[in-house]
């Protein structure tokens, strides 16, 4: 609706403007919208990822209690956080219908994470596939269960030009 209207207006102004910047969630695909609004002729359209700041949880337990999950399950996250030692440990999370039922310290970890990997992964920047690119991350348990916790979420981190 609104995005199509803005792009339609911008397409009408294409002879007067050199550039249009639009920040959207990483899940957005502009291709069909641009085609519907008249296309952009021979204009160059590129996509660039912009990470706005860093992610740092000072209370891992609270972050896990508030996080969004897929369906139901149980995982244990081994977290190493030298700056906030109260975050360090093995956090067992039981969740149902996308929400945490309980978060307890203890258990055998399904994944080992540093604090630098924990925040972005829990917030949904890239999902479990991206976890392997974080130094100090080790997947031990079921990928199927871990993908219920660490999955791509709608994050406003990519811009289209």
C-alpha atoms as a PDB file:
ATOM      1  CA  UNK A   1       0.000   0.000   0.000  1.00  0.00           C
ATOM      2  CA  UNK A   2       2.049   2.892   1.336  1.00  0.00           C
ATOM      3  CA  UNK A   3       5.380   1.678  -0.011  1.00  0.00           C
ATOM      4  CA  UNK A   4       3.870   1.190  -3.466  1.00  0.00           C
ATOM      5  CA  UNK A   5       2.459   4.721  -3.350  1.00  0.00           C
ATOM      6  CA  UNK A   6       5.815   6.240  -2.401  1.00  0.00           C
ATOM      7  CA  UNK A   7       7.670   4.274  -5.068  1.00  0.00           C
ATOM      8  CA  UNK A   8       5.018   5.143  -7.672  1.00  0.00           C
ATOM      9  CA  UNK A   9       5.445   8.818  -6.867  1.00  0.00           C
ATOM     10  CA  UNK A  10       9.246   8.482  -6.962  1.00  0.00           C
ATOM     11  CA  UNK A  11       9.048   6.694 -10.333  1.00  0.00           C
ATOM     12  CA  UNK A  12       7.145   9.703 -11.677  1.00  0.00           C
ATOM     13  CA  UNK A  13       9.945  11.956 -10.460  1.00  0.00           C
ATOM     14  CA  UNK A  14      12.743   9.800 -11.905  1.00  0.00           C
ATOM     15  CA  UNK A  15      13.849  12.526 -14.325  1.00  0.00           C
ATOM     16  CA  UNK A  16      14.298  14.978 -11.426  1.00  0.00           C
ATOM     17  CA  UNK A  17      15.987  12.779  -8.818  1.00  0.00           C
ATOM     18  CA  UNK A  18      19.379  11.118  -8.857  1.00  0.00           C
ATOM     19  CA  UNK A  19      18.849   8.749  -5.951  1.00  0.00           C
ATOM     20  CA  UNK A  20      16.177   7.285  -3.677  1.00  0.00           C
ATOM     21  CA  UNK A  21      17.148   5.605  -0.416  1.00  0.00           C
ATOM     22  CA  UNK A  22      14.688   3.354   1.346  1.00  0.00           C
ATOM     23  CA  UNK A  23      15.470   1.411   4.528  1.00  0.00           C
ATOM     24  CA  UNK A  24      13.487  -1.786   4.869  1.00  0.00           C
ATOM     25  CA  UNK A  25      13.596  -5.045   6.799  1.00  0.00           C
ATOM     26  CA  UNK A  26      16.027  -7.620   5.455  1.00  0.00           C
ATOM     27  CA  UNK A  27      13.082  -9.823   4.439  1.00  0.00           C
ATOM     28  CA  UNK A  28      11.652  -7.211   2.032  1.00  0.00           C
ATOM     29  CA  UNK A  29      11.969  -7.822  -1.711  1.00  0.00           C
ATOM     30  CA  UNK A  30      11.409  -4.686  -3.774  1.00  0.00           C
ATOM     31  CA  UNK A  31      11.552  -6.334  -7.194  1.00  0.00           C
ATOM     32  CA  UNK A  32       7.795  -6.980  -7.616  1.00  0.00           C
ATOM     33  CA  UNK A  33       6.905  -3.585  -6.123  1.00  0.00           C
ATOM     34  CA  UNK A  34       9.229  -1.742  -8.500  1.00  0.00           C
ATOM     35  CA  UNK A  35       7.774  -3.617 -11.477  1.00  0.00           C
ATOM     36  CA  UNK A  36       4.190  -2.796 -10.423  1.00  0.00           C
ATOM     37  CA  UNK A  37       4.974   0.910  -9.941  1.00  0.00           C
ATOM     38  CA  UNK A  38       6.297   1.322 -13.472  1.00  0.00           C
ATOM     39  CA  UNK A  39       9.853   0.157 -13.089  1.00  0.00           C
ATOM     40  CA  UNK A  40      12.838   2.411 -12.994  1.00  0.00           C
ATOM     41  CA  UNK A  41      13.965   2.296 -16.591  1.00  0.00           C
ATOM     42  CA  UNK A  42      17.685   1.828 -16.789  1.00  0.00           C
ATOM     43  CA  UNK A  43      18.383   3.151 -13.297  1.00  0.00           C
ATOM     44  CA  UNK A  44      20.853   1.175 -11.222  1.00  0.00           C
ATOM     45  CA  UNK A  45      19.255  -0.564  -8.246  1.00  0.00           C
ATOM     46  CA  UNK A  46      21.585  -1.947  -5.600  1.00  0.00           C
ATOM     47  CA  UNK A  47      21.152  -3.427  -2.164  1.00  0.00           C
ATOM     48  CA  UNK A  48      23.448  -2.725   0.754  1.00  0.00           C
ATOM     49  CA  UNK A  49      23.456  -4.122   4.280  1.00  0.00           C
ATOM     50  CA  UNK A  50      23.807  -1.551   7.024  1.00  0.00           C
ATOM     51  CA  UNK A  51      24.264  -2.758  10.583  1.00  0.00           C
ATOM     52  CA  UNK A  52      23.106   0.018  12.878  1.00  0.00           C
ATOM     53  CA  UNK A  53      25.201  -0.324  16.014  1.00  0.00           C
ATOM     54  CA  UNK A  54      25.991  -3.324  18.144  1.00  0.00           C
ATOM     55  CA  UNK A  55      23.929  -5.658  20.265  1.00  0.00           C
ATOM     56  CA  UNK A  56      24.811  -6.329  23.876  1.00  0.00           C
ATOM     57  CA  UNK A  57      22.611  -7.959  26.506  1.00  0.00           C
ATOM     58  CA  UNK A  58      23.474  -7.195  30.110  1.00  0.00           C
ATOM     59  CA  UNK A  59      20.818  -9.637  31.350  1.00  0.00           C
ATOM     60  CA  UNK A  60      20.850 -12.853  29.302  1.00  0.00           C
ATOM     61  CA  UNK A  61      18.112 -14.468  31.396  1.00  0.00           C
ATOM     62  CA  UNK A  62      15.709 -11.588  30.783  1.00  0.00           C
ATOM     63  CA  UNK A  63      16.592 -11.524  27.063  1.00  0.00           C
ATOM     64  CA  UNK A  64      15.777 -15.234  26.783  1.00  0.00           C
ATOM     65  CA  UNK A  65      12.501 -14.725  28.684  1.00  0.00           C
ATOM     66  CA  UNK A  66      11.427 -11.999  26.229  1.00  0.00           C
ATOM     67  CA  UNK A  67      12.730 -13.565  23.002  1.00  0.00           C
ATOM     68  CA  UNK A  68      10.500 -14.853  20.208  1.00  0.00           C
ATOM     69  CA  UNK A  69      10.684 -18.577  19.439  1.00  0.00           C
ATOM     70  CA  UNK A  70       9.269 -20.844  16.751  1.00  0.00           C
ATOM     71  CA  UNK A  71       6.705 -23.249  18.149  1.00  0.00           C
ATOM     72  CA  UNK A  72       7.621 -25.311  21.174  1.00  0.00           C
ATOM     73  CA  UNK A  73      10.782 -26.956  22.422  1.00  0.00           C
ATOM     74  CA  UNK A  74      13.698 -26.931  24.825  1.00  0.00           C
ATOM     75  CA  UNK A  75      17.320 -25.893  24.246  1.00  0.00           C
ATOM     76  CA  UNK A  76      20.333 -25.185  26.391  1.00  0.00           C
ATOM     77  CA  UNK A  77      22.601 -22.286  25.450  1.00  0.00           C
ATOM     78  CA  UNK A  78      26.128 -22.209  26.821  1.00  0.00           C
ATOM     79  CA  UNK A  79      27.060 -18.538  27.109  1.00  0.00           C
ATOM     80  CA  UNK A  80      30.505 -17.089  27.806  1.00  0.00           C
ATOM     81  CA  UNK A  81      30.475 -13.448  28.876  1.00  0.00           C
ATOM     82  CA  UNK A  82      33.650 -12.205  30.610  1.00  0.00           C
ATOM     83  CA  UNK A  83      32.347  -8.618  30.860  1.00  0.00           C
ATOM     84  CA  UNK A  84      29.079  -9.602  32.600  1.00  0.00           C
ATOM     85  CA  UNK A  85      29.951 -12.826  34.448  1.00  0.00           C
ATOM     86  CA  UNK A  86      26.359 -13.200  35.701  1.00  0.00           C
ATOM     87  CA  UNK A  87      25.369 -13.958  32.079  1.00  0.00           C
ATOM     88  CA  UNK A  88      27.881 -16.804  31.780  1.00  0.00           C
ATOM     89  CA  UNK A  89      26.648 -20.356  32.176  1.00  0.00           C
ATOM     90  CA  UNK A  90      24.337 -22.854  30.576  1.00  0.00           C
ATOM     91  CA  UNK A  91      20.841 -21.411  30.114  1.00  0.00           C
ATOM     92  CA  UNK A  92      18.064 -23.959  29.568  1.00  0.00           C
ATOM     93  CA  UNK A  93      15.031 -22.457  27.867  1.00  0.00           C
ATOM     94  CA  UNK A  94      11.678 -24.215  27.578  1.00  0.00           C
ATOM     95  CA  UNK A  95       9.246 -22.519  25.223  1.00  0.00           C
ATOM     96  CA  UNK A  96       5.751 -23.112  23.911  1.00  0.00           C
ATOM     97  CA  UNK A  97       3.721 -21.314  21.242  1.00  0.00           C
ATOM     98  CA  UNK A  98       6.641 -18.979  20.552  1.00  0.00           C
ATOM     99  CA  UNK A  99       7.088 -17.782  24.156  1.00  0.00           C
ATOM    100  CA  UNK A 100       9.429 -18.793  26.955  1.00  0.00           C
ATOM    101  CA  UNK A 101       7.863 -20.871  29.719  1.00  0.00           C
ATOM    102  CA  UNK A 102      11.026 -21.042  31.826  1.00  0.00           C
ATOM    103  CA  UNK A 103      14.656 -19.983  31.709  1.00  0.00           C
ATOM    104  CA  UNK A 104      16.970 -21.711  34.185  1.00  0.00           C
ATOM    105  CA  UNK A 105      20.720 -21.752  34.698  1.00  0.00           C
ATOM    106  CA  UNK A 106      22.059 -25.291  34.235  1.00  0.00           C
ATOM    107  CA  UNK A 107      21.951 -28.155  31.766  1.00  0.00           C
ATOM    108  CA  UNK A 108      24.051 -29.567  28.945  1.00  0.00           C
ATOM    109  CA  UNK A 109      24.548 -27.009  26.163  1.00  0.00           C
ATOM    110  CA  UNK A 110      23.216 -27.547  22.633  1.00  0.00           C
ATOM    111  CA  UNK A 111      25.237 -24.550  21.455  1.00  0.00           C
ATOM    112  CA  UNK A 112      28.198 -22.618  22.841  1.00  0.00           C
ATOM    113  CA  UNK A 113      28.211 -18.867  22.213  1.00  0.00           C
ATOM    114  CA  UNK A 114      30.283 -15.866  23.136  1.00  0.00           C
ATOM    115  CA  UNK A 115      28.417 -12.724  24.174  1.00  0.00           C
ATOM    116  CA  UNK A 116      29.369 -11.150  20.827  1.00  0.00           C
ATOM    117  CA  UNK A 117      27.478 -13.865  18.951  1.00  0.00           C
ATOM    118  CA  UNK A 118      24.570 -14.240  21.382  1.00  0.00           C
ATOM    119  CA  UNK A 119      22.888 -10.842  20.918  1.00  0.00           C
ATOM    120  CA  UNK A 120      22.737 -10.663  17.119  1.00  0.00           C
ATOM    121  CA  UNK A 121      21.690 -14.313  16.827  1.00  0.00           C
ATOM    122  CA  UNK A 122      18.919 -14.054  19.420  1.00  0.00           C
ATOM    123  CA  UNK A 123      17.582 -10.907  17.740  1.00  0.00           C
ATOM    124  CA  UNK A 124      17.442 -12.699  14.392  1.00  0.00           C
ATOM    125  CA  UNK A 125      20.262 -11.282  12.327  1.00  0.00           C
ATOM    126  CA  UNK A 126      20.914 -14.164   9.976  1.00  0.00           C
ATOM    127  CA  UNK A 127      19.660 -17.169  11.885  1.00  0.00           C
ATOM    128  CA  UNK A 128      21.511 -20.319  12.878  1.00  0.00           C
ATOM    129  CA  UNK A 129      23.351 -20.557   9.543  1.00  0.00           C
ATOM    130  CA  UNK A 130      25.118 -17.332  10.430  1.00  0.00           C
ATOM    131  CA  UNK A 131      26.127 -18.626  13.879  1.00  0.00           C
ATOM    132  CA  UNK A 132      28.949 -20.665  12.424  1.00  0.00           C
ATOM    133  CA  UNK A 133      30.658 -17.476  11.227  1.00  0.00           C
ATOM    134  CA  UNK A 134      30.997 -16.108  14.751  1.00  0.00           C
ATOM    135  CA  UNK A 135      34.343 -17.046  16.338  1.00  0.00           C
ATOM    136  CA  UNK A 136      33.950 -19.178  19.439  1.00  0.00           C
ATOM    137  CA  UNK A 137      30.564 -20.573  18.409  1.00  0.00           C
ATOM    138  CA  UNK A 138      30.055 -24.324  18.485  1.00  0.00           C
ATOM    139  CA  UNK A 139      26.852 -26.167  17.585  1.00  0.00           C
ATOM    140  CA  UNK A 140      26.576 -29.377  19.606  1.00  0.00           C
ATOM    141  CA  UNK A 141      22.893 -30.324  19.710  1.00  0.00           C
ATOM    142  CA  UNK A 142      20.020 -30.632  17.276  1.00  0.00           C
ATOM    143  CA  UNK A 143      20.041 -27.979  14.545  1.00  0.00           C
ATOM    144  CA  UNK A 144      16.282 -28.438  14.187  1.00  0.00           C
ATOM    145  CA  UNK A 145      15.694 -27.410  17.805  1.00  0.00           C
ATOM    146  CA  UNK A 146      18.249 -24.585  17.706  1.00  0.00           C
ATOM    147  CA  UNK A 147      16.593 -23.144  14.579  1.00  0.00           C
ATOM    148  CA  UNK A 148      13.493 -22.565  16.727  1.00  0.00           C
ATOM    149  CA  UNK A 149      15.548 -20.090  18.765  1.00  0.00           C
ATOM    150  CA  UNK A 150      18.047 -18.665  16.279  1.00  0.00           C
ATOM    151  CA  UNK A 151      16.147 -17.882  13.091  1.00  0.00           C
ATOM    152  CA  UNK A 152      15.943 -14.895  10.754  1.00  0.00           C
ATOM    153  CA  UNK A 153      13.579 -12.311  12.194  1.00  0.00           C
ATOM    154  CA  UNK A 154      12.407  -9.039  10.695  1.00  0.00           C
ATOM    155  CA  UNK A 155      15.312  -6.734  11.457  1.00  0.00           C
ATOM    156  CA  UNK A 156      15.691  -3.288   9.940  1.00  0.00           C
ATOM    157  CA  UNK A 157      19.259  -3.661   8.768  1.00  0.00           C
ATOM    158  CA  UNK A 158      19.242  -3.501   4.975  1.00  0.00           C
ATOM    159  CA  UNK A 159      18.821  -0.548   2.706  1.00  0.00           C
ATOM    160  CA  UNK A 160      17.798  -0.500  -0.951  1.00  0.00           C
ATOM    161  CA  UNK A 161      18.949   2.266  -3.259  1.00  0.00           C
END
